Amino acid sequence: MDAPDAPTSGARMRFFHDLLGQAAIDVCTPGATARDDGSPLFTGVQPATFAETSEHEPYVAIAADQDLVLQLRAAHSTACHGRVLGTSHFFPVSGNNYTLIAVGRTRGRPAVARELLFCSD
């Protein structure tokens, strides 16, 4: 469900998993070092679905007007502990809603590069 109203402060983000050949994934901010677990934004997102927060909301609040680093990780029993599938930088602007979409193909042919698309709602 789209959120037509703009956030009063910061920004909001939702996520859609469309990375073919990849089971559930977590969306995280990175940990302090490359080996540390990240901080979860969305966990256990199944293929071909929108993520939901633990409160069953489609959007999470994010800091705005600064660089945001996101990791896609293979889902693990410990949130944001799985293998890193990709990292992306994003600069959300205050007062906006965003939809992030993971696309690509992890196996099979034709090969399609993994990407994280950032769309302003």
C-alpha atoms as a PDB file:
ATOM      1  CA  MET A   1       0.000   0.000   0.000  1.00  0.00           C
ATOM      2  CA  ASP A   2       1.391   3.413  -0.995  1.00  0.00           C
ATOM      3  CA  ALA A   3       1.710   6.132   1.611  1.00  0.00           C
ATOM      4  CA  PRO A   4       0.462   9.268  -0.150  1.00  0.00           C
ATOM      5  CA  ASP A   5       1.175  11.511   2.828  1.00  0.00           C
ATOM      6  CA  ALA A   6       4.706  12.809   3.306  1.00  0.00           C
ATOM      7  CA  PRO A   7       6.475  12.225   6.623  1.00  0.00           C
ATOM      8  CA  THR A   8       6.584  15.317   8.837  1.00  0.00           C
ATOM      9  CA  SER A   9      10.263  14.722   9.618  1.00  0.00           C
ATOM     10  CA  GLY A  10      12.907  12.484   8.140  1.00  0.00           C
ATOM     11  CA  ALA A  11      11.931  10.078   5.378  1.00  0.00           C
ATOM     12  CA  ARG A  12      10.263   6.671   5.039  1.00  0.00           C
ATOM     13  CA  MET A  13      11.259   3.617   3.070  1.00  0.00           C
ATOM     14  CA  ARG A  14       9.658   0.334   2.028  1.00  0.00           C
ATOM     15  CA  PHE A  15      11.257  -2.636   0.264  1.00  0.00           C
ATOM     16  CA  PHE A  16      10.247  -5.133  -2.436  1.00  0.00           C
ATOM     17  CA  HIS A  17      12.222  -8.376  -2.989  1.00  0.00           C
ATOM     18  CA  ASP A  18      12.413  -9.245  -6.680  1.00  0.00           C
ATOM     19  CA  LEU A  19      15.874 -10.815  -6.780  1.00  0.00           C
ATOM     20  CA  LEU A  20      15.289 -14.012  -8.751  1.00  0.00           C
ATOM     21  CA  GLY A  21      16.939 -17.141  -7.385  1.00  0.00           C
ATOM     22  CA  GLN A  22      17.483 -15.698  -3.913  1.00  0.00           C
ATOM     23  CA  ALA A  23      15.534 -16.963  -0.915  1.00  0.00           C
ATOM     24  CA  ALA A  24      14.521 -14.593   1.899  1.00  0.00           C
ATOM     25  CA  ILE A  25      16.705 -11.559   2.527  1.00  0.00           C
ATOM     26  CA  ASP A  26      17.323  -8.946   5.222  1.00  0.00           C
ATOM     27  CA  VAL A  27      17.792  -5.224   4.592  1.00  0.00           C
ATOM     28  CA  CYS A  28      20.268  -3.746   7.058  1.00  0.00           C
ATOM     29  CA  THR A  29      22.553  -0.882   7.847  1.00  0.00           C
ATOM     30  CA  PRO A  30      26.120  -2.201   8.224  1.00  0.00           C
ATOM     31  CA  GLY A  31      27.769  -3.024  11.519  1.00  0.00           C
ATOM     32  CA  ALA A  32      30.869  -1.243  12.838  1.00  0.00           C
ATOM     33  CA  THR A  33      33.184  -3.596  10.920  1.00  0.00           C
ATOM     34  CA  ALA A  34      32.748  -5.838   7.893  1.00  0.00           C
ATOM     35  CA  ARG A  35      32.391  -8.877  10.171  1.00  0.00           C
ATOM     36  CA  ASP A  36      29.825  -7.348  12.540  1.00  0.00           C
ATOM     37  CA  ASP A  37      26.105  -7.971  12.177  1.00  0.00           C
ATOM     38  CA  GLY A  38      24.157  -5.114  10.675  1.00  0.00           C
ATOM     39  CA  SER A  39      21.159  -3.328  12.163  1.00  0.00           C
ATOM     40  CA  PRO A  40      17.913  -4.620  10.626  1.00  0.00           C
ATOM     41  CA  LEU A  41      15.428  -2.453   8.767  1.00  0.00           C
ATOM     42  CA  PHE A  42      13.509  -5.415   7.302  1.00  0.00           C
ATOM     43  CA  THR A  43      14.100  -9.124   8.014  1.00  0.00           C
ATOM     44  CA  GLY A  44      13.136 -12.366   6.320  1.00  0.00           C
ATOM     45  CA  VAL A  45      11.615 -10.725   3.246  1.00  0.00           C
ATOM     46  CA  GLN A  46      10.319 -13.482   0.980  1.00  0.00           C
ATOM     47  CA  PRO A  47      10.719 -13.356  -2.823  1.00  0.00           C
ATOM     48  CA  ALA A  48       8.112 -11.375  -4.779  1.00  0.00           C
ATOM     49  CA  THR A  49       6.767  -9.622  -1.672  1.00  0.00           C
ATOM     50  CA  PHE A  50       6.887  -6.268   0.052  1.00  0.00           C
ATOM     51  CA  ALA A  51       8.588  -6.251   3.436  1.00  0.00           C
ATOM     52  CA  GLU A  52       6.681  -5.515   6.622  1.00  0.00           C
ATOM     53  CA  THR A  53       7.935  -4.265   9.950  1.00  0.00           C
ATOM     54  CA  SER A  54       7.261  -6.205  13.133  1.00  0.00           C
ATOM     55  CA  GLU A  55       4.189  -3.950  13.541  1.00  0.00           C
ATOM     56  CA  HIS A  56       2.989  -5.054  10.053  1.00  0.00           C
ATOM     57  CA  GLU A  57       3.705  -1.647   8.557  1.00  0.00           C
ATOM     58  CA  PRO A  58       5.132  -1.372   5.043  1.00  0.00           C
ATOM     59  CA  TYR A  59       7.360   1.671   5.718  1.00  0.00           C
ATOM     60  CA  VAL A  60      10.180   2.302   8.190  1.00  0.00           C
ATOM     61  CA  ALA A  61      11.377   5.737   9.252  1.00  0.00           C
ATOM     62  CA  ILE A  62      14.901   6.563   8.126  1.00  0.00           C
ATOM     63  CA  ALA A  63      17.245   9.476   8.721  1.00  0.00           C
ATOM     64  CA  ALA A  64      17.194  12.001   5.900  1.00  0.00           C
ATOM     65  CA  ASP A  65      19.575  14.446   4.283  1.00  0.00           C
ATOM     66  CA  GLN A  66      22.594  12.216   4.866  1.00  0.00           C
ATOM     67  CA  ASP A  67      24.217   9.243   3.162  1.00  0.00           C
ATOM     68  CA  LEU A  68      22.534   5.965   4.110  1.00  0.00           C
ATOM     69  CA  VAL A  69      24.432   2.728   3.486  1.00  0.00           C
ATOM     70  CA  LEU A  70      22.252  -0.354   3.001  1.00  0.00           C
ATOM     71  CA  GLN A  71      23.188  -4.021   2.877  1.00  0.00           C
ATOM     72  CA  LEU A  72      21.164  -6.840   1.412  1.00  0.00           C
ATOM     73  CA  ARG A  73      21.944 -10.036   3.312  1.00  0.00           C
ATOM     74  CA  ALA A  74      20.804 -13.611   2.961  1.00  0.00           C
ATOM     75  CA  ALA A  75      18.255 -14.212   5.722  1.00  0.00           C
ATOM     76  CA  HIS A  76      19.670 -15.933   8.801  1.00  0.00           C
ATOM     77  CA  SER A  77      18.225 -17.011  12.146  1.00  0.00           C
ATOM     78  CA  THR A  78      20.060 -13.988  13.588  1.00  0.00           C
ATOM     79  CA  ALA A  79      18.846 -10.844  11.839  1.00  0.00           C
ATOM     80  CA  CYS A  80      21.430  -9.231   9.539  1.00  0.00           C
ATOM     81  CA  HIS A  81      24.006 -11.951  10.214  1.00  0.00           C
ATOM     82  CA  GLY A  82      23.772 -13.715   6.824  1.00  0.00           C
ATOM     83  CA  ARG A  83      26.048 -13.419   3.796  1.00  0.00           C
ATOM     84  CA  VAL A  84      26.205  -9.930   2.278  1.00  0.00           C
ATOM     85  CA  LEU A  85      24.601  -9.992  -1.178  1.00  0.00           C
ATOM     86  CA  GLY A  86      25.292  -6.351  -1.969  1.00  0.00           C
ATOM     87  CA  THR A  87      25.798  -2.887  -0.553  1.00  0.00           C
ATOM     88  CA  SER A  88      24.389   0.377  -1.829  1.00  0.00           C
ATOM     89  CA  HIS A  89      24.522   4.061  -0.890  1.00  0.00           C
ATOM     90  CA  PHE A  90      21.375   6.146  -0.849  1.00  0.00           C
ATOM     91  CA  PHE A  91      20.722   9.815   0.005  1.00  0.00           C
ATOM     92  CA  PRO A  92      17.115  10.158   1.231  1.00  0.00           C
ATOM     93  CA  VAL A  93      15.659  13.664   1.265  1.00  0.00           C
ATOM     94  CA  SER A  94      13.533  14.803   4.197  1.00  0.00           C
ATOM     95  CA  GLY A  95       9.773  14.678   3.631  1.00  0.00           C
ATOM     96  CA  ASN A  96       9.866  11.859   1.054  1.00  0.00           C
ATOM     97  CA  ASN A  97       8.694   8.252   0.876  1.00  0.00           C
ATOM     98  CA  TYR A  98      10.851   5.757  -1.013  1.00  0.00           C
ATOM     99  CA  THR A  99      10.409   2.290  -2.440  1.00  0.00           C
ATOM    100  CA  LEU A 100      13.535   0.164  -2.763  1.00  0.00           C
ATOM    101  CA  ILE A 101      13.424  -2.806  -5.111  1.00  0.00           C
ATOM    102  CA  ALA A 102      16.062  -5.544  -5.250  1.00  0.00           C
ATOM    103  CA  VAL A 103      16.266  -6.843  -8.828  1.00  0.00           C
ATOM    104  CA  GLY A 104      18.465  -9.201 -10.799  1.00  0.00           C
ATOM    105  CA  ARG A 105      19.061 -12.929 -11.070  1.00  0.00           C
ATOM    106  CA  THR A 106      21.399 -14.861  -8.786  1.00  0.00           C
ATOM    107  CA  ARG A 107      21.453 -18.055 -10.887  1.00  0.00           C
ATOM    108  CA  GLY A 108      20.311 -19.271 -14.257  1.00  0.00           C
ATOM    109  CA  ARG A 109      20.408 -17.632 -17.651  1.00  0.00           C
ATOM    110  CA  PRO A 110      20.421 -14.996 -18.844  1.00  0.00           C
ATOM    111  CA  ALA A 111      22.616 -13.443 -16.199  1.00  0.00           C
ATOM    112  CA  VAL A 112      21.132 -10.256 -14.757  1.00  0.00           C
ATOM    113  CA  ALA A 113      23.257  -8.105 -12.443  1.00  0.00           C
ATOM    114  CA  ARG A 114      21.979  -7.515  -8.926  1.00  0.00           C
ATOM    115  CA  GLU A 115      20.818  -3.958  -8.314  1.00  0.00           C
ATOM    116  CA  LEU A 116      18.963  -2.020  -5.685  1.00  0.00           C
ATOM    117  CA  LEU A 117      16.595   0.473  -7.323  1.00  0.00           C
ATOM    118  CA  PHE A 118      15.593   3.593  -5.375  1.00  0.00           C
ATOM    119  CA  CYS A 119      12.235   5.064  -6.355  1.00  0.00           C
ATOM    120  CA  SER A 120      10.652   8.178  -4.906  1.00  0.00           C
ATOM    121  CA  ASP A 121       6.958   7.507  -4.226  1.00  0.00           C
END
